[in-house]
Amino acid sequence: MSATWYECKIKYRKLNDSGVQKVTTEPYLVDAISYTEAESRINEEMSAYISDEFKITNIKVANFAEIHPFENSDRWFKSKVSLIAYDEESGKERKSNIYLLVQANDVKEAFDNTNAALKGTTSDYTIPAIAESPIMDVFPYFSGEEEQAEQIERFNAIKESGAPKVEVELEEDFDEVTEKVVLEESEVIEDDVTKESSEEENVVQESTTEEDFS
C-alpha cells in the first residue's frame, strides 16, 4: 500500500504486566496529506483506544515507501531494500534505497514477507538490513468510497489476524489469574479430537476381536 505516512508519538499512562500504571511513549503511523490532518486523525484513532488523557509529543513524515500487513503476524519490521540499476554508459551499478514496513513474527519471516511484497518488481534488488520496528499500529486513510472501504477493511483484517484474543478471569482473592486464548477454530479442533478418540476405540475393538479368534 503506497501513501504518505506520518509517525505520531503518543504519551499516556499504561498498565504494565504487574498491573502498575506507568507513563509510556509509543509511535503509531497514520496515512494523511498534511501534519494538521495527521494530528486530527491520530487524535481520533487513539481516542477509541485510550480512555484516559494522552498527549501527542511528536509528528514527522515516516520514510516508509510502502506498508505491508501479513496474516497471522503481530510485529512490524523495517526492511531496507536496495534497488539496483545499471548505467549503460558508464557500465556501473547504481543503488537507491527504500524502506518497507512489513508485518511478521520474526526476522526470517520478515525477510520472506519482504520478498513477497516485492514480487513482480522489474528491477533487481537486495535486502541489506531488517530490524524490528517500534511502531505499535498502523491506521490507513479511509475516504468513504466503497472500493477503498473494502481495501481498508481487508488491510485491517490482515493486520489484526496475528493477535490472539485473550480473556482474563480474576478470582475473588486475586491469587489466581486464568488466561483463556479464544481460537476461532476451536470447534474444528474439538471435532478432530473426537475423531481421533473414535479411531482409537475402533483400534481397541479390532484388537480385542483378533484375540477372541485366537
Protein backbone atom coordinates (compact mmCIF):
# COMPACT_ATOMS: atom_id res chain seq x y z
CA MET A 1 0.00 0.00 0.00
CA SER A 2 1.59 3.28 -1.17
CA ALA A 3 0.76 6.52 0.71
CA THR A 4 2.23 9.37 2.75
CA TRP A 5 2.69 8.10 6.27
CA TYR A 6 3.20 10.18 9.39
CA GLU A 7 4.78 8.79 12.55
CA CYS A 8 2.97 10.09 15.63
CA LYS A 9 4.35 9.58 19.13
CA ILE A 10 1.73 9.25 21.86
CA LYS A 11 2.45 9.70 25.56
CA TYR A 12 0.00 8.23 28.06
CA ARG A 13 -0.36 6.12 31.21
CA LYS A 14 -0.39 2.39 30.55
CA LEU A 15 -0.79 -0.65 32.78
CA ASN A 16 2.30 -2.85 32.71
CA ASP A 17 2.41 -6.62 33.24
CA SER A 18 2.49 -6.09 37.02
CA GLY A 19 -0.71 -4.06 36.95
CA VAL A 20 1.10 -0.78 37.71
CA GLN A 21 0.37 2.35 35.71
CA LYS A 22 3.44 3.87 34.07
CA VAL A 23 3.89 6.72 31.63
CA THR A 24 4.94 5.42 28.22
CA THR A 25 5.51 6.87 24.76
CA GLU A 26 4.60 4.79 21.71
CA PRO A 27 4.85 5.51 17.96
CA TYR A 28 1.92 4.98 15.57
CA LEU A 29 1.53 5.50 11.82
CA VAL A 30 -1.33 7.35 10.13
CA ASP A 31 -1.93 7.98 6.44
CA ALA A 32 -2.57 11.71 5.88
CA ILE A 33 -1.98 14.57 3.43
CA SER A 34 -0.58 17.06 5.98
CA TYR A 35 0.67 17.43 9.55
CA THR A 36 -2.65 19.01 10.51
CA GLU A 37 -4.64 16.07 9.17
CA ALA A 38 -2.21 13.62 10.77
CA GLU A 39 -2.76 15.28 14.15
CA SER A 40 -6.53 15.20 13.71
CA ARG A 41 -6.53 11.55 12.60
CA ILE A 42 -4.25 10.25 15.37
CA ASN A 43 -6.40 12.06 17.95
CA GLU A 44 -9.48 10.35 16.55
CA GLU A 45 -7.85 6.91 16.35
CA MET A 46 -6.27 6.99 19.81
CA SER A 47 -9.46 8.28 21.48
CA ALA A 48 -11.05 4.95 20.54
CA TYR A 49 -8.24 3.01 22.26
CA ILE A 50 -7.23 5.15 25.23
CA SER A 51 -9.89 6.22 27.71
CA ASP A 52 -7.53 8.38 29.79
CA GLU A 53 -5.75 11.54 28.78
CA PHE A 54 -2.95 11.27 26.21
CA LYS A 55 -0.54 13.70 24.56
CA ILE A 56 0.93 13.87 21.06
CA THR A 57 4.62 14.56 21.62
CA ASN A 58 5.85 14.45 18.02
CA ILE A 59 4.67 14.13 14.42
CA LYS A 60 7.03 13.56 11.49
CA VAL A 61 6.90 12.14 7.97
CA ALA A 62 7.87 8.47 8.08
CA ASN A 63 10.36 7.25 5.49
CA PHE A 64 8.38 4.17 4.51
CA ALA A 65 7.74 3.71 0.81
CA GLU A 66 5.13 1.00 1.44
CA ILE A 67 3.29 -0.73 4.30
CA HIS A 68 2.54 -4.44 4.00
CA PRO A 69 0.43 -6.31 6.58
CA PHE A 70 0.55 -10.12 6.60
CA GLU A 71 -1.86 -12.64 8.09
CA ASN A 72 -1.05 -14.34 11.41
CA SER A 73 1.68 -11.79 12.24
CA ASP A 74 1.68 -9.36 15.17
CA ARG A 75 5.01 -7.47 14.92
CA TRP A 76 6.27 -4.83 12.50
CA PHE A 77 9.70 -4.90 10.84
CA LYS A 78 11.55 -2.22 8.90
CA SER A 79 13.19 -3.63 5.77
CA LYS A 80 15.87 -1.74 3.90
CA VAL A 81 15.67 -2.54 0.19
CA SER A 82 18.39 -1.54 -2.27
CA LEU A 83 17.06 -1.22 -5.82
CA ILE A 84 19.78 -1.94 -8.39
CA ALA A 85 20.01 -0.13 -11.72
CA TYR A 86 22.72 -0.39 -14.37
CA ASP A 87 24.12 2.67 -16.14
CA GLU A 88 24.71 1.56 -19.72
CA GLU A 89 27.03 4.48 -20.49
CA SER A 90 29.37 4.07 -17.54
CA GLY A 91 28.73 0.37 -17.08
CA LYS A 92 28.45 0.94 -13.35
CA GLU A 93 25.86 -0.35 -10.92
CA ARG A 94 23.74 2.17 -9.08
CA LYS A 95 21.71 1.55 -5.93
CA SER A 96 18.83 3.50 -4.44
CA ASN A 97 17.43 2.61 -1.03
CA ILE A 98 13.79 2.45 0.05
CA TYR A 99 12.23 1.25 3.30
CA LEU A 100 9.27 -1.09 3.70
CA LEU A 101 7.28 -1.77 6.86
CA VAL A 102 6.20 -5.40 6.85
CA GLN A 103 4.32 -7.49 9.38
CA ALA A 104 5.95 -10.73 10.57
CA ASN A 105 6.68 -12.84 13.65
CA ASP A 106 10.49 -12.84 13.38
CA VAL A 107 13.34 -11.55 11.21
CA LYS A 108 13.41 -14.59 8.92
CA GLU A 109 9.68 -14.29 8.25
CA ALA A 110 10.12 -10.55 7.71
CA PHE A 111 12.74 -11.34 5.04
CA ASP A 112 10.36 -13.77 3.31
CA ASN A 113 7.47 -11.31 3.55
CA THR A 114 9.62 -8.52 2.12
CA ASN A 115 10.43 -10.70 -0.88
CA ALA A 116 6.71 -11.49 -1.23
CA ALA A 117 5.88 -7.77 -1.14
CA LEU A 118 8.45 -7.11 -3.87
CA LYS A 119 7.18 -9.90 -6.10
CA GLY A 120 6.73 -8.57 -9.62
CA THR A 121 9.36 -5.85 -9.21
CA THR A 122 11.06 -5.33 -12.58
CA SER A 123 14.43 -4.16 -11.22
CA ASP A 124 16.95 -6.23 -9.29
CA TYR A 125 17.21 -5.62 -5.56
CA THR A 126 18.88 -6.74 -2.36
CA ILE A 127 17.69 -6.62 1.26
CA PRO A 128 20.76 -5.49 3.25
CA ALA A 129 19.02 -4.89 6.58
CA ILE A 130 15.91 -5.83 8.56
CA ALA A 131 15.13 -4.68 12.09
CA GLU A 132 12.08 -4.84 14.32
CA SER A 133 10.20 -1.55 14.34
CA PRO A 134 8.82 0.11 17.49
CA ILE A 135 5.64 1.01 15.54
CA MET A 136 2.67 -0.19 17.57
CA ASP A 137 -0.09 0.10 14.97
CA VAL A 138 -0.90 1.45 11.51
CA PHE A 139 -4.00 3.46 10.56
CA PRO A 140 -4.62 3.80 6.79
CA TYR A 141 -6.75 6.64 5.43
CA PHE A 142 -10.44 5.99 4.75
CA SER A 143 -12.28 8.31 2.35
CA GLY A 144 -15.64 6.56 2.48
CA GLU A 145 -15.58 5.32 -1.11
CA GLU A 146 -16.88 1.77 -1.47
CA GLU A 147 -13.83 0.34 -3.27
CA GLN A 148 -11.40 1.92 -0.84
CA ALA A 149 -13.56 0.85 2.10
CA GLU A 150 -13.12 -2.76 1.02
CA GLN A 151 -9.34 -2.26 0.74
CA ILE A 152 -9.13 -0.73 4.21
CA GLU A 153 -11.31 -3.48 5.67
CA ARG A 154 -9.04 -6.11 4.11
CA PHE A 155 -5.93 -4.24 5.32
CA ASN A 156 -7.20 -4.14 8.92
CA ALA A 157 -8.35 -7.78 8.82
CA ILE A 158 -4.90 -8.94 7.72
CA LYS A 159 -3.15 -6.63 10.18
CA GLU A 160 -5.15 -7.85 13.18
CA SER A 161 -5.16 -11.55 12.25
CA GLY A 162 -1.93 -12.25 14.14
CA ALA A 163 -3.08 -11.06 17.56
CA PRO A 164 -4.82 -13.79 19.61
CA LYS A 165 -7.72 -12.68 21.75
CA VAL A 166 -7.07 -13.22 25.45
CA GLU A 167 -9.71 -13.23 28.15
CA VAL A 168 -8.52 -12.85 31.75
CA GLU A 169 -10.60 -14.07 34.69
CA LEU A 170 -9.69 -12.78 38.18
CA GLU A 171 -10.63 -14.84 41.25
CA GLU A 172 -12.11 -13.00 44.26
CA ASP A 173 -8.87 -13.30 46.25
CA PHE A 174 -6.84 -12.16 43.19
CA ASP A 175 -4.38 -15.01 43.80
CA GLU A 176 -5.10 -16.84 40.59
CA VAL A 177 -5.28 -15.47 37.09
CA THR A 178 -6.61 -17.71 34.37
CA GLU A 179 -5.88 -16.86 30.79
CA LYS A 180 -8.02 -18.23 28.01
CA VAL A 181 -6.93 -17.93 24.42
CA VAL A 182 -10.02 -17.76 22.24
CA LEU A 183 -9.33 -19.56 18.98
CA GLU A 184 -11.63 -19.14 16.02
CA GLU A 185 -11.13 -22.75 15.02
CA SER A 186 -11.77 -24.30 18.44
CA GLU A 187 -14.80 -26.22 17.18
CA VAL A 188 -12.73 -27.74 14.39
CA ILE A 189 -10.06 -28.79 16.88
CA GLU A 190 -12.68 -30.41 19.12
CA ASP A 191 -14.07 -32.32 16.14
CA ASP A 192 -10.57 -33.57 15.30
CA VAL A 193 -10.04 -34.73 18.89
CA THR A 194 -13.40 -36.56 18.82
CA LYS A 195 -12.47 -38.25 15.55
CA GLU A 196 -9.09 -39.34 16.95
CA SER A 197 -10.79 -40.77 20.05
CA SER A 198 -13.25 -42.73 17.87
CA GLU A 199 -10.39 -44.10 15.77
CA GLU A 200 -8.55 -45.23 18.93
CA GLU A 201 -11.70 -47.01 20.18
CA ASN A 202 -12.05 -48.80 16.84
CA VAL A 203 -8.44 -49.96 17.03
CA VAL A 204 -9.00 -51.32 20.54
CA GLN A 205 -12.16 -53.16 19.42
CA GLU A 206 -10.35 -54.72 16.44
CA SER A 207 -7.50 -55.82 18.71
CA THR A 208 -9.96 -57.45 21.12
CA THR A 209 -11.71 -59.26 18.25
CA GLU A 210 -8.40 -60.69 17.00
CA GLU A 211 -7.63 -62.04 20.50
CA ASP A 212 -11.06 -63.72 20.63
CA PHE A 213 -10.40 -65.51 17.33
CA SER A 214 -7.00 -66.70 18.54
